[in-house]
Amino acid sequence: MKIAKVWITIVFLLFVLAELYQWLVGFILPLPIYILAGAFLAIASNYDRGIGALFRQVAGKEEKVSPTATLVESIEALDEAKNDYVLPPRD
């Protein structure tokens, strides 16, 4: 009798999981949900800047990101490296 209860419980759980999976596969979110989720992600990713930074833009104060910014310690190091490089003579 105890084994029958275990089997019935396992079969019931597998049935529920299969139905839940089929429901999730067929579930389509409407467009406004995607828009709200995108807005939430934008706010959450810029949370450290403050909510006011999302709505105001200061003219002339743009952050420029250089792909080599993490490769050098300072601008002076770039200038020194540029002066150390000598072009080979042209034939």
PDB file of N, CA and C in Angstrom:
ATOM      1  N   MET A   1       0.825  -1.195   0.000  1.00  0.00           N
ATOM      2  CA  MET A   1       0.000   0.000   0.000  1.00  0.00           C
ATOM      3  C   MET A   1       0.869   1.259   0.000  1.00  0.00           C
ATOM      4  N   LYS A   2       1.982   1.208   0.741  1.00  0.00           N
ATOM      5  CA  LYS A   2       2.860   2.368   0.825  1.00  0.00           C
ATOM      6  C   LYS A   2       3.531   2.632  -0.524  1.00  0.00           C
ATOM      7  N   ILE A   3       3.886   1.553  -1.236  1.00  0.00           N
ATOM      8  CA  ILE A   3       4.529   1.694  -2.540  1.00  0.00           C
ATOM      9  C   ILE A   3       3.547   2.303  -3.545  1.00  0.00           C
ATOM     10  N   ALA A   4       2.279   1.951  -3.442  1.00  0.00           N
ATOM     11  CA  ALA A   4       1.263   2.489  -4.350  1.00  0.00           C
ATOM     12  C   ALA A   4       1.119   4.000  -4.161  1.00  0.00           C
ATOM     13  N   LYS A   5       1.178   4.474  -2.924  1.00  0.00           N
ATOM     14  CA  LYS A   5       1.086   5.913  -2.657  1.00  0.00           C
ATOM     15  C   LYS A   5       2.288   6.649  -3.249  1.00  0.00           C
ATOM     16  N   VAL A   6       3.461   6.039  -3.139  1.00  0.00           N
ATOM     17  CA  VAL A   6       4.669   6.659  -3.698  1.00  0.00           C
ATOM     18  C   VAL A   6       4.549   6.745  -5.214  1.00  0.00           C
ATOM     19  N   TRP A   7       4.086   5.641  -5.843  1.00  0.00           N
ATOM     20  CA  TRP A   7       3.923   5.634  -7.296  1.00  0.00           C
ATOM     21  C   TRP A   7       2.904   6.677  -7.747  1.00  0.00           C
ATOM     22  N   ILE A   8       1.799   6.752  -7.059  1.00  0.00           N
ATOM     23  CA  ILE A   8       0.760   7.729  -7.419  1.00  0.00           C
ATOM     24  C   ILE A   8       1.299   9.149  -7.269  1.00  0.00           C
ATOM     25  N   THR A   9       2.047   9.394  -6.213  1.00  0.00           N
ATOM     26  CA  THR A   9       2.628  10.721  -5.990  1.00  0.00           C
ATOM     27  C   THR A   9       3.626  11.073  -7.092  1.00  0.00           C
ATOM     28  N   ILE A  10       4.480  10.136  -7.454  1.00  0.00           N
ATOM     29  CA  ILE A  10       5.483  10.381  -8.495  1.00  0.00           C
ATOM     30  C   ILE A  10       4.808  10.631  -9.843  1.00  0.00           C
ATOM     31  N   VAL A  11       3.824   9.814 -10.188  1.00  0.00           N
ATOM     32  CA  VAL A  11       3.112   9.984 -11.458  1.00  0.00           C
ATOM     33  C   VAL A  11       2.395  11.332 -11.481  1.00  0.00           C
ATOM     34  N   PHE A  12       1.764  11.701 -10.371  1.00  0.00           N
ATOM     35  CA  PHE A  12       1.073  12.987 -10.290  1.00  0.00           C
ATOM     36  C   PHE A  12       2.058  14.150 -10.462  1.00  0.00           C
ATOM     37  N   LEU A  13       3.209  14.081  -9.804  1.00  0.00           N
ATOM     38  CA  LEU A  13       4.207  15.147  -9.932  1.00  0.00           C
ATOM     39  C   LEU A  13       4.745  15.245 -11.359  1.00  0.00           C
ATOM     40  N   LEU A  14       4.999  14.106 -11.988  1.00  0.00           N
ATOM     41  CA  LEU A  14       5.461  14.131 -13.377  1.00  0.00           C
ATOM     42  C   LEU A  14       4.401  14.720 -14.306  1.00  0.00           C
ATOM     43  N   PHE A  15       3.139  14.390 -14.062  1.00  0.00           N
ATOM     44  CA  PHE A  15       2.054  14.950 -14.860  1.00  0.00           C
ATOM     45  C   PHE A  15       1.983  16.465 -14.694  1.00  0.00           C
ATOM     46  N   VAL A  16       2.066  16.924 -13.453  1.00  0.00           N
ATOM     47  CA  VAL A  16       2.018  18.366 -13.187  1.00  0.00           C
ATOM     48  C   VAL A  16       3.204  19.067 -13.842  1.00  0.00           C
ATOM     49  N   LEU A  17       4.394  18.491 -13.744  1.00  0.00           N
ATOM     50  CA  LEU A  17       5.572  19.094 -14.367  1.00  0.00           C
ATOM     51  C   LEU A  17       5.442  19.140 -15.888  1.00  0.00           C
ATOM     52  N   ALA A  18       4.913  18.082 -16.495  1.00  0.00           N
ATOM     53  CA  ALA A  18       4.731  18.061 -17.946  1.00  0.00           C
ATOM     54  C   ALA A  18       3.720  19.119 -18.387  1.00  0.00           C
ATOM     55  N   GLU A  19       2.626  19.240 -17.659  1.00  0.00           N
ATOM     56  CA  GLU A  19       1.622  20.252 -17.990  1.00  0.00           C
ATOM     57  C   GLU A  19       2.173  21.662 -17.792  1.00  0.00           C
ATOM     58  N   LEU A  20       2.922  21.863 -16.729  1.00  0.00           N
ATOM     59  CA  LEU A  20       3.531  23.172 -16.473  1.00  0.00           C
ATOM     60  C   LEU A  20       4.521  23.529 -17.574  1.00  0.00           C
ATOM     61  N   TYR A  21       5.305  22.559 -18.021  1.00  0.00           N
ATOM     62  CA  TYR A  21       6.265  22.791 -19.104  1.00  0.00           C
ATOM     63  C   TYR A  21       5.536  23.167 -20.396  1.00  0.00           C
ATOM     64  N   GLN A  22       4.474  22.454 -20.727  1.00  0.00           N
ATOM     65  CA  GLN A  22       3.718  22.767 -21.937  1.00  0.00           C
ATOM     66  C   GLN A  22       3.079  24.150 -21.847  1.00  0.00           C
ATOM     67  N   TRP A  23       2.633  24.529 -20.669  1.00  0.00           N
ATOM     68  CA  TRP A  23       2.039  25.849 -20.491  1.00  0.00           C
ATOM     69  C   TRP A  23       3.094  26.935 -20.655  1.00  0.00           C
ATOM     70  N   LEU A  24       4.291  26.721 -20.098  1.00  0.00           N
ATOM     71  CA  LEU A  24       5.357  27.713 -20.206  1.00  0.00           C
ATOM     72  C   LEU A  24       5.856  27.862 -21.640  1.00  0.00           C
ATOM     73  N   VAL A  25       5.919  26.767 -22.377  1.00  0.00           N
ATOM     74  CA  VAL A  25       6.373  26.831 -23.766  1.00  0.00           C
ATOM     75  C   VAL A  25       5.378  27.636 -24.606  1.00  0.00           C
ATOM     76  N   GLY A  26       4.118  27.495 -24.349  1.00  0.00           N
ATOM     77  CA  GLY A  26       3.095  28.200 -25.112  1.00  0.00           C
ATOM     78  C   GLY A  26       2.785  29.589 -24.594  1.00  0.00           C
ATOM     79  N   PHE A  27       3.398  29.997 -23.512  1.00  0.00           N
ATOM     80  CA  PHE A  27       3.101  31.287 -22.891  1.00  0.00           C
ATOM     81  C   PHE A  27       3.793  32.405 -23.656  1.00  0.00           C
ATOM     82  N   ILE A  28       3.037  33.390 -24.090  1.00  0.00           N
ATOM     83  CA  ILE A  28       3.585  34.528 -24.830  1.00  0.00           C
ATOM     84  C   ILE A  28       3.245  35.794 -24.051  1.00  0.00           C
ATOM     85  N   LEU A  29       4.281  36.579 -23.757  1.00  0.00           N
ATOM     86  CA  LEU A  29       4.059  37.835 -23.052  1.00  0.00           C
ATOM     87  C   LEU A  29       3.655  38.919 -24.042  1.00  0.00           C
ATOM     88  N   PRO A  30       2.729  39.768 -23.671  1.00  0.00           N
ATOM     89  CA  PRO A  30       2.365  40.869 -24.558  1.00  0.00           C
ATOM     90  C   PRO A  30       3.473  41.932 -24.608  1.00  0.00           C
ATOM     91  N   LEU A  31       3.454  42.750 -25.650  1.00  0.00           N
ATOM     92  CA  LEU A  31       4.483  43.755 -25.882  1.00  0.00           C
ATOM     93  C   LEU A  31       4.662  44.728 -24.713  1.00  0.00           C
ATOM     94  N   PRO A  32       3.606  45.223 -24.061  1.00  0.00           N
ATOM     95  CA  PRO A  32       3.835  46.152 -22.945  1.00  0.00           C
ATOM     96  C   PRO A  32       4.653  45.545 -21.803  1.00  0.00           C
ATOM     97  N   ILE A  33       4.541  44.255 -21.596  1.00  0.00           N
ATOM     98  CA  ILE A  33       5.337  43.605 -20.554  1.00  0.00           C
ATOM     99  C   ILE A  33       6.814  43.662 -20.922  1.00  0.00           C
ATOM    100  N   TYR A  34       7.133  43.431 -22.201  1.00  0.00           N
ATOM    101  CA  TYR A  34       8.523  43.524 -22.654  1.00  0.00           C
ATOM    102  C   TYR A  34       9.051  44.951 -22.503  1.00  0.00           C
ATOM    103  N   ILE A  35       8.222  45.941 -22.807  1.00  0.00           N
ATOM    104  CA  ILE A  35       8.644  47.340 -22.683  1.00  0.00           C
ATOM    105  C   ILE A  35       8.902  47.681 -21.225  1.00  0.00           C
ATOM    106  N   LEU A  36       8.011  47.286 -20.340  1.00  0.00           N
ATOM    107  CA  LEU A  36       8.205  47.558 -18.912  1.00  0.00           C
ATOM    108  C   LEU A  36       9.426  46.829 -18.368  1.00  0.00           C
ATOM    109  N   ALA A  37       9.648  45.606 -18.807  1.00  0.00           N
ATOM    110  CA  ALA A  37      10.824  44.860 -18.359  1.00  0.00           C
ATOM    111  C   ALA A  37      12.102  45.532 -18.850  1.00  0.00           C
ATOM    112  N   GLY A  38      12.107  46.036 -20.073  1.00  0.00           N
ATOM    113  CA  GLY A  38      13.272  46.746 -20.593  1.00  0.00           C
ATOM    114  C   GLY A  38      13.546  48.022 -19.823  1.00  0.00           C
ATOM    115  N   ALA A  39      12.491  48.766 -19.483  1.00  0.00           N
ATOM    116  CA  ALA A  39      12.660  49.983 -18.693  1.00  0.00           C
ATOM    117  C   ALA A  39      13.199  49.648 -17.304  1.00  0.00           C
ATOM    118  N   PHE A  40      12.691  48.590 -16.714  1.00  0.00           N
ATOM    119  CA  PHE A  40      13.185  48.180 -15.401  1.00  0.00           C
ATOM    120  C   PHE A  40      14.664  47.817 -15.459  1.00  0.00           C
ATOM    121  N   LEU A  41      15.074  47.086 -16.491  1.00  0.00           N
ATOM    122  CA  LEU A  41      16.484  46.721 -16.620  1.00  0.00           C
ATOM    123  C   LEU A  41      17.364  47.949 -16.835  1.00  0.00           C
ATOM    124  N   ALA A  42      16.883  48.925 -17.596  1.00  0.00           N
ATOM    125  CA  ALA A  42      17.656  50.149 -17.814  1.00  0.00           C
ATOM    126  C   ALA A  42      17.838  50.914 -16.509  1.00  0.00           C
ATOM    127  N   ILE A  43      16.790  51.017 -15.728  1.00  0.00           N
ATOM    128  CA  ILE A  43      16.880  51.723 -14.446  1.00  0.00           C
ATOM    129  C   ILE A  43      17.765  50.958 -13.480  1.00  0.00           C
ATOM    130  N   ALA A  44      17.613  49.645 -13.434  1.00  0.00           N
ATOM    131  CA  ALA A  44      18.415  48.842 -12.506  1.00  0.00           C
ATOM    132  C   ALA A  44      19.894  48.876 -12.868  1.00  0.00           C
ATOM    133  N   SER A  45      20.216  48.897 -14.151  1.00  0.00           N
ATOM    134  CA  SER A  45      21.626  48.893 -14.539  1.00  0.00           C
ATOM    135  C   SER A  45      22.287  50.241 -14.304  1.00  0.00           C
ATOM    136  N   ASN A  46      21.510  51.317 -14.227  1.00  0.00           N
ATOM    137  CA  ASN A  46      22.062  52.650 -13.984  1.00  0.00           C
ATOM    138  C   ASN A  46      21.709  53.159 -12.595  1.00  0.00           C
ATOM    139  N   TYR A  47      21.403  52.268 -11.693  1.00  0.00           N
ATOM    140  CA  TYR A  47      20.958  52.657 -10.353  1.00  0.00           C
ATOM    141  C   TYR A  47      22.029  53.433  -9.602  1.00  0.00           C
ATOM    142  N   ASP A  48      23.303  53.084  -9.804  1.00  0.00           N
ATOM    143  CA  ASP A  48      24.375  53.747  -9.070  1.00  0.00           C
ATOM    144  C   ASP A  48      24.544  55.200  -9.490  1.00  0.00           C
ATOM    145  N   ARG A  49      24.106  55.591 -10.659  1.00  0.00           N
ATOM    146  CA  ARG A  49      24.196  56.981 -11.107  1.00  0.00           C
ATOM    147  C   ARG A  49      23.101  57.844 -10.498  1.00  0.00           C
ATOM    148  N   GLY A  50      22.044  57.261 -10.082  1.00  0.00           N
ATOM    149  CA  GLY A  50      20.920  58.017  -9.552  1.00  0.00           C
ATOM    150  C   GLY A  50      19.830  58.126 -10.595  1.00  0.00           C
ATOM    151  N   ILE A  51      18.606  58.277 -10.144  1.00  0.00           N
ATOM    152  CA  ILE A  51      17.466  58.304 -11.058  1.00  0.00           C
ATOM    153  C   ILE A  51      17.457  59.572 -11.891  1.00  0.00           C
ATOM    154  N   GLY A  52      17.996  60.671 -11.378  1.00  0.00           N
ATOM    155  CA  GLY A  52      18.014  61.925 -12.127  1.00  0.00           C
ATOM    156  C   GLY A  52      18.908  61.870 -13.341  1.00  0.00           C
ATOM    157  N   ALA A  53      19.943  61.073 -13.311  1.00  0.00           N
ATOM    158  CA  ALA A  53      20.876  60.976 -14.437  1.00  0.00           C
ATOM    159  C   ALA A  53      20.221  60.342 -15.657  1.00  0.00           C
ATOM    160  N   LEU A  54      19.157  59.600 -15.455  1.00  0.00           N
ATOM    161  CA  LEU A  54      18.483  58.976 -16.588  1.00  0.00           C
ATOM    162  C   LEU A  54      17.693  59.989 -17.407  1.00  0.00           C
ATOM    163  N   PHE A  55      17.247  61.074 -16.771  1.00  0.00           N
ATOM    164  CA  PHE A  55      16.360  62.015 -17.434  1.00  0.00           C
ATOM    165  C   PHE A  55      17.033  63.314 -17.837  1.00  0.00           C
ATOM    166  N   ARG A  56      18.238  63.569 -17.379  1.00  0.00           N
ATOM    167  CA  ARG A  56      18.915  64.800 -17.774  1.00  0.00           C
ATOM    168  C   ARG A  56      20.223  64.451 -18.465  1.00  0.00           C
ATOM    169  N   GLN A  57      20.541  65.262 -19.441  1.00  0.00           N
ATOM    170  CA  GLN A  57      21.797  65.095 -20.153  1.00  0.00           C
ATOM    171  C   GLN A  57      22.472  66.452 -20.175  1.00  0.00           C
ATOM    172  N   VAL A  58      23.692  66.514 -19.708  1.00  0.00           N
ATOM    173  CA  VAL A  58      24.437  67.758 -19.679  1.00  0.00           C
ATOM    174  C   VAL A  58      25.158  67.894 -21.015  1.00  0.00           C
ATOM    175  N   ALA A  59      24.957  69.041 -21.676  1.00  0.00           N
ATOM    176  CA  ALA A  59      25.585  69.261 -22.979  1.00  0.00           C
ATOM    177  C   ALA A  59      27.084  69.442 -22.804  1.00  0.00           C
ATOM    178  N   GLY A  60      27.843  68.788 -23.654  1.00  0.00           N
ATOM    179  CA  GLY A  60      29.294  68.930 -23.615  1.00  0.00           C
ATOM    180  C   GLY A  60      29.977  68.049 -22.593  1.00  0.00           C
ATOM    181  N   LYS A  61      29.243  67.336 -21.801  1.00  0.00           N
ATOM    182  CA  LYS A  61      29.836  66.456 -20.791  1.00  0.00           C
ATOM    183  C   LYS A  61      29.536  65.021 -21.161  1.00  0.00           C
ATOM    184  N   GLU A  62      30.224  64.545 -22.150  1.00  0.00           N
ATOM    185  CA  GLU A  62      30.030  63.167 -22.571  1.00  0.00           C
ATOM    186  C   GLU A  62      31.192  62.332 -22.086  1.00  0.00           C
ATOM    187  N   GLU A  63      30.874  61.156 -21.634  1.00  0.00           N
ATOM    188  CA  GLU A  63      31.931  60.240 -21.217  1.00  0.00           C
ATOM    189  C   GLU A  63      32.438  59.511 -22.449  1.00  0.00           C
ATOM    190  N   LYS A  64      33.721  59.615 -22.690  1.00  0.00           N
ATOM    191  CA  LYS A  64      34.303  58.914 -23.824  1.00  0.00           C
ATOM    192  C   LYS A  64      35.056  57.708 -23.298  1.00  0.00           C
ATOM    193  N   VAL A  65      34.712  56.582 -23.831  1.00  0.00           N
ATOM    194  CA  VAL A  65      35.327  55.341 -23.399  1.00  0.00           C
ATOM    195  C   VAL A  65      36.299  54.893 -24.477  1.00  0.00           C
ATOM    196  N   SER A  66      37.509  54.644 -24.056  1.00  0.00           N
ATOM    197  CA  SER A  66      38.526  54.175 -24.985  1.00  0.00           C
ATOM    198  C   SER A  66      38.738  52.683 -24.762  1.00  0.00           C
ATOM    199  N   PRO A  67      38.864  51.911 -25.833  1.00  0.00           N
ATOM    200  CA  PRO A  67      39.071  50.477 -25.638  1.00  0.00           C
ATOM    201  C   PRO A  67      40.420  50.147 -25.013  1.00  0.00           C
ATOM    202  N   THR A  68      41.357  51.095 -25.046  1.00  0.00           N
ATOM    203  CA  THR A  68      42.676  50.851 -24.459  1.00  0.00           C
ATOM    204  C   THR A  68      42.818  51.488 -23.084  1.00  0.00           C
ATOM    205  N   ALA A  69      41.727  51.997 -22.546  1.00  0.00           N
ATOM    206  CA  ALA A  69      41.803  52.708 -21.274  1.00  0.00           C
ATOM    207  C   ALA A  69      42.303  51.813 -20.145  1.00  0.00           C
ATOM    208  N   THR A  70      42.023  50.552 -20.203  1.00  0.00           N
ATOM    209  CA  THR A  70      42.455  49.662 -19.133  1.00  0.00           C
ATOM    210  C   THR A  70      43.832  49.072 -19.388  1.00  0.00           C
ATOM    211  N   LEU A  71      44.392  49.312 -20.581  1.00  0.00           N
ATOM    212  CA  LEU A  71      45.674  48.716 -20.911  1.00  0.00           C
ATOM    213  C   LEU A  71      46.855  49.588 -20.502  1.00  0.00           C
ATOM    214  N   VAL A  72      46.633  50.862 -20.292  1.00  0.00           N
ATOM    215  CA  VAL A  72      47.719  51.766 -19.903  1.00  0.00           C
ATOM    216  C   VAL A  72      47.378  52.397 -18.569  1.00  0.00           C
ATOM    217  N   GLU A  73      48.410  52.818 -17.862  1.00  0.00           N
ATOM    218  CA  GLU A  73      48.178  53.414 -16.550  1.00  0.00           C
ATOM    219  C   GLU A  73      47.907  54.907 -16.644  1.00  0.00           C
ATOM    220  N   SER A  74      48.471  55.575 -17.640  1.00  0.00           N
ATOM    221  CA  SER A  74      48.250  57.008 -17.762  1.00  0.00           C
ATOM    222  C   SER A  74      48.496  57.448 -19.194  1.00  0.00           C
ATOM    223  N   ILE A  75      48.102  58.674 -19.459  1.00  0.00           N
ATOM    224  CA  ILE A  75      48.327  59.249 -20.783  1.00  0.00           C
ATOM    225  C   ILE A  75      49.820  59.420 -21.037  1.00  0.00           C
ATOM    226  N   GLU A  76      50.565  59.741 -19.982  1.00  0.00           N
ATOM    227  CA  GLU A  76      52.007  59.916 -20.136  1.00  0.00           C
ATOM    228  C   GLU A  76      52.663  58.630 -20.636  1.00  0.00           C
ATOM    229  N   ALA A  77      52.179  57.496 -20.210  1.00  0.00           N
ATOM    230  CA  ALA A  77      52.737  56.228 -20.663  1.00  0.00           C
ATOM    231  C   ALA A  77      52.525  56.057 -22.164  1.00  0.00           C
ATOM    232  N   LEU A  78      51.394  56.536 -22.663  1.00  0.00           N
ATOM    233  CA  LEU A  78      51.158  56.471 -24.101  1.00  0.00           C
ATOM    234  C   LEU A  78      52.117  57.377 -24.855  1.00  0.00           C
ATOM    235  N   ASP A  79      52.313  58.603 -24.330  1.00  0.00           N
ATOM    236  CA  ASP A  79      53.232  59.534 -24.985  1.00  0.00           C
ATOM    237  C   ASP A  79      54.651  58.993 -25.002  1.00  0.00           C
ATOM    238  N   GLU A  80      55.082  58.401 -23.903  1.00  0.00           N
ATOM    239  CA  GLU A  80      56.428  57.832 -23.842  1.00  0.00           C
ATOM    240  C   GLU A  80      56.574  56.682 -24.836  1.00  0.00           C
ATOM    241  N   ALA A  81      55.568  55.854 -24.930  1.00  0.00           N
ATOM    242  CA  ALA A  81      55.631  54.727 -25.854  1.00  0.00           C
ATOM    243  C   ALA A  81      55.661  55.217 -27.296  1.00  0.00           C
ATOM    244  N   LYS A  82      54.937  56.302 -27.580  1.00  0.00           N
ATOM    245  CA  LYS A  82      54.919  56.843 -28.928  1.00  0.00           C
ATOM    246  C   LYS A  82      56.298  57.398 -29.301  1.00  0.00           C
ATOM    247  N   ASN A  83      56.979  58.029 -28.344  1.00  0.00           N
ATOM    248  CA  ASN A  83      58.298  58.601 -28.607  1.00  0.00           C
ATOM    249  C   ASN A  83      59.367  57.521 -28.729  1.00  0.00           C
ATOM    250  N   ASP A  84      59.173  56.385 -28.097  1.00  0.00           N
ATOM    251  CA  ASP A  84      60.162  55.309 -28.148  1.00  0.00           C
ATOM    252  C   ASP A  84      60.126  54.540 -29.464  1.00  0.00           C
ATOM    253  N   TYR A  85      59.020  54.609 -30.163  1.00  0.00           N
ATOM    254  CA  TYR A  85      58.880  53.826 -31.386  1.00  0.00           C
ATOM    255  C   TYR A  85      59.548  54.565 -32.538  1.00  0.00           C
ATOM    256  N   VAL A  86      60.392  53.877 -33.269  1.00  0.00           N
ATOM    257  CA  VAL A  86      61.095  54.470 -34.409  1.00  0.00           C
ATOM    258  C   VAL A  86      60.666  53.722 -35.661  1.00  0.00           C
ATOM    259  N   LEU A  87      60.270  54.480 -36.657  1.00  0.00           N
ATOM    260  CA  LEU A  87      59.862  53.864 -37.912  1.00  0.00           C
ATOM    261  C   LEU A  87      61.079  53.343 -38.662  1.00  0.00           C
ATOM    262  N   PRO A  88      60.966  52.216 -39.311  1.00  0.00           N
ATOM    263  CA  PRO A  88      62.089  51.705 -40.113  1.00  0.00           C
ATOM    264  C   PRO A  88      62.291  52.583 -41.351  1.00  0.00           C
ATOM    265  N   PRO A  89      63.521  52.670 -41.851  1.00  0.00           N
ATOM    266  CA  PRO A  89      63.777  53.523 -43.028  1.00  0.00           C
ATOM    267  C   PRO A  89      63.068  52.973 -44.263  1.00  0.00           C
ATOM    268  N   ARG A  90      62.621  53.895 -45.106  1.00  0.00           N
ATOM    269  CA  ARG A  90      61.939  53.499 -46.339  1.00  0.00           C
ATOM    270  C   ARG A  90      62.968  53.230 -47.423  1.00  0.00           C
ATOM    271  N   ASP A  91      62.756  52.216 -48.209  1.00  0.00           N
ATOM    272  CA  ASP A  91      63.676  51.894 -49.310  1.00  0.00           C
ATOM    273  C   ASP A  91      63.242  52.532 -50.598  1.00  0.00           C
TER     274      ASP A  91
END
